[in-house]
């Protein structure tokens, strides 16, 4: 997941100005990859946690049946 987020960040920030770096430089691309990792892990993990918790709560009778 981290590798995917890093590659996705580098590709999306390819010719963009990231932070104080000039557009299109490798520093800007690497910075975009690192930012995508951080934001992707925080926000993606948070949203996944909410979705999984809601699914477990709503399906608890079917998932955890007593035999």
N, C-alpha and C. Protein backbone atom coordinates (compact mmCIF):
# COMPACT_ATOMS: atom_id res chain seq x y z
N UNK A 1 0.83 -1.19 0.00
CA UNK A 1 0.00 0.00 0.00
C UNK A 1 0.88 1.25 0.00
N UNK A 2 1.93 1.21 0.79
CA UNK A 2 2.81 2.38 0.85
C UNK A 2 3.48 2.62 -0.49
N UNK A 3 3.93 1.54 -1.13
CA UNK A 3 4.56 1.69 -2.45
C UNK A 3 3.56 2.23 -3.47
N UNK A 4 2.34 1.73 -3.44
CA UNK A 4 1.31 2.23 -4.34
C UNK A 4 1.06 3.71 -4.12
N UNK A 5 0.90 4.11 -2.86
CA UNK A 5 0.65 5.52 -2.56
C UNK A 5 1.82 6.40 -2.98
N UNK A 6 3.04 5.91 -2.80
CA UNK A 6 4.21 6.70 -3.18
C UNK A 6 4.27 6.88 -4.69
N UNK A 7 4.07 5.79 -5.43
CA UNK A 7 4.10 5.88 -6.89
C UNK A 7 2.97 6.78 -7.38
N UNK A 8 1.78 6.63 -6.80
CA UNK A 8 0.65 7.46 -7.18
C UNK A 8 0.94 8.94 -6.90
N UNK A 9 1.56 9.22 -5.76
CA UNK A 9 1.91 10.60 -5.43
C UNK A 9 2.94 11.19 -6.38
N UNK A 10 3.94 10.38 -6.74
CA UNK A 10 4.97 10.86 -7.68
C UNK A 10 4.35 11.15 -9.04
N UNK A 11 3.46 10.28 -9.49
CA UNK A 11 2.83 10.48 -10.80
C UNK A 11 1.91 11.69 -10.79
N UNK A 12 1.10 11.85 -9.74
CA UNK A 12 0.19 12.99 -9.71
C UNK A 12 0.92 14.32 -9.50
N UNK A 13 2.07 14.28 -8.86
CA UNK A 13 2.83 15.50 -8.65
C UNK A 13 3.95 15.70 -9.64
N UNK A 14 3.87 15.06 -10.80
CA UNK A 14 4.98 15.04 -11.76
C UNK A 14 5.41 16.43 -12.17
N UNK A 15 4.51 17.27 -12.58
CA UNK A 15 4.86 18.62 -13.02
C UNK A 15 4.18 19.68 -12.16
N UNK A 16 3.95 19.36 -10.90
CA UNK A 16 3.28 20.28 -9.99
C UNK A 16 4.28 20.91 -9.03
N UNK A 17 3.93 22.07 -8.53
CA UNK A 17 4.72 22.70 -7.48
C UNK A 17 4.27 22.10 -6.15
N UNK A 18 5.20 21.50 -5.43
CA UNK A 18 4.90 20.87 -4.16
C UNK A 18 5.76 21.53 -3.09
N UNK A 19 5.11 22.10 -2.08
CA UNK A 19 5.86 22.79 -1.03
C UNK A 19 6.59 23.98 -1.60
N UNK A 20 7.88 24.09 -1.29
CA UNK A 20 8.71 25.20 -1.80
C UNK A 20 9.54 24.79 -3.01
N UNK A 21 9.33 23.57 -3.50
CA UNK A 21 10.12 23.07 -4.63
C UNK A 21 9.53 23.55 -5.95
N UNK A 22 10.41 23.72 -6.92
CA UNK A 22 9.97 24.15 -8.25
C UNK A 22 9.21 23.02 -8.95
N UNK A 23 8.28 23.37 -9.83
CA UNK A 23 7.52 22.33 -10.55
C UNK A 23 8.43 21.48 -11.42
N UNK A 24 8.19 20.17 -11.42
CA UNK A 24 8.92 19.26 -12.30
C UNK A 24 10.26 18.78 -11.78
N UNK A 25 10.69 19.25 -10.61
CA UNK A 25 11.97 18.77 -10.08
C UNK A 25 11.75 17.46 -9.33
N UNK A 26 12.83 16.69 -9.20
CA UNK A 26 12.70 15.41 -8.50
C UNK A 26 12.41 15.60 -7.02
N UNK A 27 12.85 16.69 -6.45
CA UNK A 27 12.54 16.96 -5.04
C UNK A 27 11.03 17.14 -4.87
N UNK A 28 10.41 17.87 -5.81
CA UNK A 28 8.96 18.07 -5.75
C UNK A 28 8.22 16.74 -5.93
N UNK A 29 8.71 15.90 -6.83
CA UNK A 29 8.07 14.61 -7.08
C UNK A 29 8.19 13.70 -5.86
N UNK A 30 9.37 13.64 -5.25
CA UNK A 30 9.55 12.83 -4.05
C UNK A 30 8.72 13.36 -2.90
N UNK A 31 8.66 14.68 -2.79
CA UNK A 31 7.83 15.30 -1.75
C UNK A 31 6.36 14.95 -1.95
N UNK A 32 5.90 14.96 -3.20
CA UNK A 32 4.51 14.59 -3.49
C UNK A 32 4.25 13.14 -3.10
N UNK A 33 5.21 12.26 -3.36
CA UNK A 33 5.06 10.86 -2.98
C UNK A 33 4.97 10.68 -1.48
N UNK A 34 5.81 11.37 -0.74
CA UNK A 34 5.80 11.27 0.72
C UNK A 34 4.51 11.84 1.29
N UNK A 35 4.07 12.96 0.74
CA UNK A 35 2.80 13.54 1.21
C UNK A 35 1.62 12.62 0.93
N UNK A 36 1.64 11.96 -0.23
CA UNK A 36 0.56 11.04 -0.56
C UNK A 36 0.56 9.85 0.39
N UNK A 37 1.74 9.37 0.79
CA UNK A 37 1.82 8.28 1.76
C UNK A 37 1.21 8.71 3.08
N UNK A 38 1.61 9.86 3.58
CA UNK A 38 1.10 10.33 4.88
C UNK A 38 -0.40 10.56 4.85
N UNK A 39 -0.88 11.32 3.87
CA UNK A 39 -2.31 11.63 3.81
C UNK A 39 -3.12 10.39 3.47
N UNK A 40 -2.60 9.53 2.61
CA UNK A 40 -3.32 8.32 2.25
C UNK A 40 -3.46 7.37 3.41
N UNK A 41 -2.41 7.22 4.21
CA UNK A 41 -2.47 6.34 5.37
C UNK A 41 -3.42 6.90 6.44
N UNK A 42 -3.36 8.20 6.66
CA UNK A 42 -4.20 8.81 7.69
C UNK A 42 -5.66 8.80 7.28
N UNK A 43 -5.98 9.39 6.14
CA UNK A 43 -7.37 9.53 5.73
C UNK A 43 -7.95 8.22 5.21
N UNK A 44 -7.17 7.47 4.44
CA UNK A 44 -7.64 6.18 3.95
C UNK A 44 -7.87 5.20 5.09
N UNK A 45 -6.96 5.17 6.04
CA UNK A 45 -7.12 4.30 7.20
C UNK A 45 -8.29 4.70 8.06
N UNK A 46 -8.50 5.99 8.23
CA UNK A 46 -9.61 6.48 9.04
C UNK A 46 -10.95 6.13 8.40
N UNK A 47 -11.07 6.34 7.09
CA UNK A 47 -12.32 6.01 6.40
C UNK A 47 -12.56 4.51 6.40
N UNK A 48 -11.51 3.72 6.20
CA UNK A 48 -11.66 2.27 6.23
C UNK A 48 -12.10 1.80 7.61
N UNK A 49 -11.54 2.39 8.65
CA UNK A 49 -11.93 2.03 10.01
C UNK A 49 -13.42 2.29 10.24
N UNK A 50 -13.91 3.44 9.79
CA UNK A 50 -15.32 3.77 9.96
C UNK A 50 -16.20 2.80 9.20
N UNK A 51 -15.85 2.51 7.96
CA UNK A 51 -16.66 1.60 7.14
C UNK A 51 -16.67 0.20 7.74
N UNK A 52 -15.51 -0.32 8.13
CA UNK A 52 -15.45 -1.66 8.70
C UNK A 52 -16.19 -1.73 10.03
N UNK A 53 -16.07 -0.71 10.84
CA UNK A 53 -16.79 -0.69 12.11
C UNK A 53 -18.30 -0.69 11.89
N UNK A 54 -18.78 0.12 10.96
CA UNK A 54 -20.21 0.16 10.67
C UNK A 54 -20.71 -1.17 10.11
N UNK A 55 -19.93 -1.80 9.22
CA UNK A 55 -20.32 -3.09 8.68
C UNK A 55 -20.37 -4.16 9.76
N UNK A 56 -19.37 -4.17 10.64
CA UNK A 56 -19.36 -5.14 11.73
C UNK A 56 -20.56 -4.92 12.67
N UNK A 57 -20.89 -3.69 12.93
CA UNK A 57 -22.01 -3.39 13.83
C UNK A 57 -23.34 -3.81 13.20
N UNK A 58 -23.51 -3.52 11.90
CA UNK A 58 -24.78 -3.83 11.26
C UNK A 58 -24.93 -5.32 10.95
N UNK A 59 -23.84 -6.02 10.71
CA UNK A 59 -23.90 -7.44 10.35
C UNK A 59 -23.49 -8.35 11.49
N UNK A 60 -23.48 -7.85 12.71
CA UNK A 60 -22.96 -8.66 13.82
C UNK A 60 -23.79 -9.91 14.06
N UNK A 61 -25.08 -9.87 13.81
CA UNK A 61 -25.91 -11.05 14.02
C UNK A 61 -25.56 -12.15 13.00
N UNK A 62 -25.32 -11.77 11.77
CA UNK A 62 -24.98 -12.76 10.75
C UNK A 62 -23.54 -13.23 10.85
N UNK A 63 -22.65 -12.34 11.21
CA UNK A 63 -21.23 -12.71 11.26
C UNK A 63 -20.89 -13.53 12.49
N UNK A 64 -21.51 -13.22 13.61
CA UNK A 64 -21.16 -13.87 14.87
C UNK A 64 -22.35 -14.62 15.45
N UNK A 65 -22.89 -15.56 14.69
CA UNK A 65 -24.03 -16.34 15.14
C UNK A 65 -23.62 -17.27 16.28
N UNK A 66 -24.52 -17.43 17.20
CA UNK A 66 -24.30 -18.40 18.26
C UNK A 66 -24.87 -19.73 17.81
N UNK A 67 -24.07 -20.77 17.95
CA UNK A 67 -24.52 -22.10 17.49
C UNK A 67 -25.22 -22.84 18.59
